[in-house]
């Protein structure tokens, strides 16, 4: 099992090591942009479904808010 993880790691390590400088910059940009988007989402948008106790209540609230455009 450990050999499988090592092979997967080496596959990506070798792939990223052989990227051009432009490709490396683009991957860094993607990583930074994704991190910023996720940070903003987690900080500024509260978990409004946590106030409901069951999955059925949560699904009803989501269905109502998707189907009612009021």
C-alpha atoms as a PDB file:
ATOM      1  CA  UNK A   1       0.000   0.000   0.000  1.00  0.00           C
ATOM      2  CA  UNK A   2       2.840   2.378   0.852  1.00  0.00           C
ATOM      3  CA  UNK A   3       4.419   1.668  -2.535  1.00  0.00           C
ATOM      4  CA  UNK A   4       1.221   2.783  -4.265  1.00  0.00           C
ATOM      5  CA  UNK A   5       1.269   6.164  -2.513  1.00  0.00           C
ATOM      6  CA  UNK A   6       4.964   6.572  -3.272  1.00  0.00           C
ATOM      7  CA  UNK A   7       4.344   5.835  -6.971  1.00  0.00           C
ATOM      8  CA  UNK A   8       1.502   8.373  -7.109  1.00  0.00           C
ATOM      9  CA  UNK A   9       3.633  10.984  -5.331  1.00  0.00           C
ATOM     10  CA  UNK A  10       6.594  10.394  -7.653  1.00  0.00           C
ATOM     11  CA  UNK A  11       4.305  10.623 -10.704  1.00  0.00           C
ATOM     12  CA  UNK A  12       3.138  14.113  -9.727  1.00  0.00           C
ATOM     13  CA  UNK A  13       6.547  15.181  -8.412  1.00  0.00           C
ATOM     14  CA  UNK A  14       8.249  14.322 -11.694  1.00  0.00           C
ATOM     15  CA  UNK A  15       5.446  15.918 -13.694  1.00  0.00           C
ATOM     16  CA  UNK A  16       5.592  19.227 -11.844  1.00  0.00           C
ATOM     17  CA  UNK A  17       9.386  19.234 -11.823  1.00  0.00           C
ATOM     18  CA  UNK A  18       9.460  19.137 -15.618  1.00  0.00           C
ATOM     19  CA  UNK A  19       7.019  22.013 -16.165  1.00  0.00           C
ATOM     20  CA  UNK A  20       8.071  25.159 -17.981  1.00  0.00           C
ATOM     21  CA  UNK A  21       8.329  28.385 -15.985  1.00  0.00           C
ATOM     22  CA  UNK A  22       5.090  29.667 -17.526  1.00  0.00           C
ATOM     23  CA  UNK A  23       3.256  26.504 -16.493  1.00  0.00           C
ATOM     24  CA  UNK A  24       4.611  26.758 -12.942  1.00  0.00           C
ATOM     25  CA  UNK A  25       3.414  30.368 -12.717  1.00  0.00           C
ATOM     26  CA  UNK A  26      -0.036  29.366 -13.950  1.00  0.00           C
ATOM     27  CA  UNK A  27      -0.294  26.556 -11.364  1.00  0.00           C
ATOM     28  CA  UNK A  28       0.749  28.996  -8.620  1.00  0.00           C
ATOM     29  CA  UNK A  29      -1.896  31.451  -9.849  1.00  0.00           C
ATOM     30  CA  UNK A  30      -4.556  28.697  -9.805  1.00  0.00           C
ATOM     31  CA  UNK A  31      -3.574  27.672  -6.265  1.00  0.00           C
ATOM     32  CA  UNK A  32      -3.593  31.257  -4.926  1.00  0.00           C
ATOM     33  CA  UNK A  33      -6.881  32.088  -6.625  1.00  0.00           C
ATOM     34  CA  UNK A  34      -8.571  28.921  -5.326  1.00  0.00           C
ATOM     35  CA  UNK A  35      -7.307  29.601  -1.809  1.00  0.00           C
ATOM     36  CA  UNK A  36      -8.641  33.155  -1.877  1.00  0.00           C
ATOM     37  CA  UNK A  37     -12.040  32.100  -3.208  1.00  0.00           C
ATOM     38  CA  UNK A  38     -12.440  29.370  -0.582  1.00  0.00           C
ATOM     39  CA  UNK A  39     -11.320  31.730   2.193  1.00  0.00           C
ATOM     40  CA  UNK A  40     -13.880  34.345   1.169  1.00  0.00           C
ATOM     41  CA  UNK A  41     -16.609  31.721   0.940  1.00  0.00           C
ATOM     42  CA  UNK A  42     -15.906  30.294   4.393  1.00  0.00           C
ATOM     43  CA  UNK A  43     -15.470  33.667   6.105  1.00  0.00           C
ATOM     44  CA  UNK A  44     -18.323  35.681   4.644  1.00  0.00           C
ATOM     45  CA  UNK A  45     -21.055  33.150   3.880  1.00  0.00           C
ATOM     46  CA  UNK A  46     -22.476  31.486   6.985  1.00  0.00           C
ATOM     47  CA  UNK A  47     -23.698  27.911   7.152  1.00  0.00           C
ATOM     48  CA  UNK A  48     -27.436  28.611   7.145  1.00  0.00           C
ATOM     49  CA  UNK A  49     -28.413  24.942   7.011  1.00  0.00           C
ATOM     50  CA  UNK A  50     -26.800  24.129  10.360  1.00  0.00           C
ATOM     51  CA  UNK A  51     -29.854  25.468  12.192  1.00  0.00           C
ATOM     52  CA  UNK A  52     -31.951  22.525  10.930  1.00  0.00           C
ATOM     53  CA  UNK A  53     -31.661  19.242  12.788  1.00  0.00           C
ATOM     54  CA  UNK A  54     -32.432  16.645  10.115  1.00  0.00           C
ATOM     55  CA  UNK A  55     -31.495  16.055   6.509  1.00  0.00           C
ATOM     56  CA  UNK A  56     -35.161  16.086   5.544  1.00  0.00           C
ATOM     57  CA  UNK A  57     -35.620  19.624   6.906  1.00  0.00           C
ATOM     58  CA  UNK A  58     -32.473  20.778   5.119  1.00  0.00           C
ATOM     59  CA  UNK A  59     -33.599  19.291   1.825  1.00  0.00           C
ATOM     60  CA  UNK A  60     -37.036  20.926   2.177  1.00  0.00           C
ATOM     61  CA  UNK A  61     -35.457  24.343   2.792  1.00  0.00           C
ATOM     62  CA  UNK A  62     -33.126  23.975  -0.193  1.00  0.00           C
ATOM     63  CA  UNK A  63     -35.942  22.774  -2.467  1.00  0.00           C
ATOM     64  CA  UNK A  64     -38.198  25.638  -1.367  1.00  0.00           C
ATOM     65  CA  UNK A  65     -35.514  28.252  -1.942  1.00  0.00           C
ATOM     66  CA  UNK A  66     -34.682  26.840  -5.389  1.00  0.00           C
ATOM     67  CA  UNK A  67     -38.280  26.559  -6.537  1.00  0.00           C
ATOM     68  CA  UNK A  68     -39.649  29.815  -5.091  1.00  0.00           C
ATOM     69  CA  UNK A  69     -38.291  32.862  -6.869  1.00  0.00           C
ATOM     70  CA  UNK A  70     -40.024  35.385  -4.596  1.00  0.00           C
END
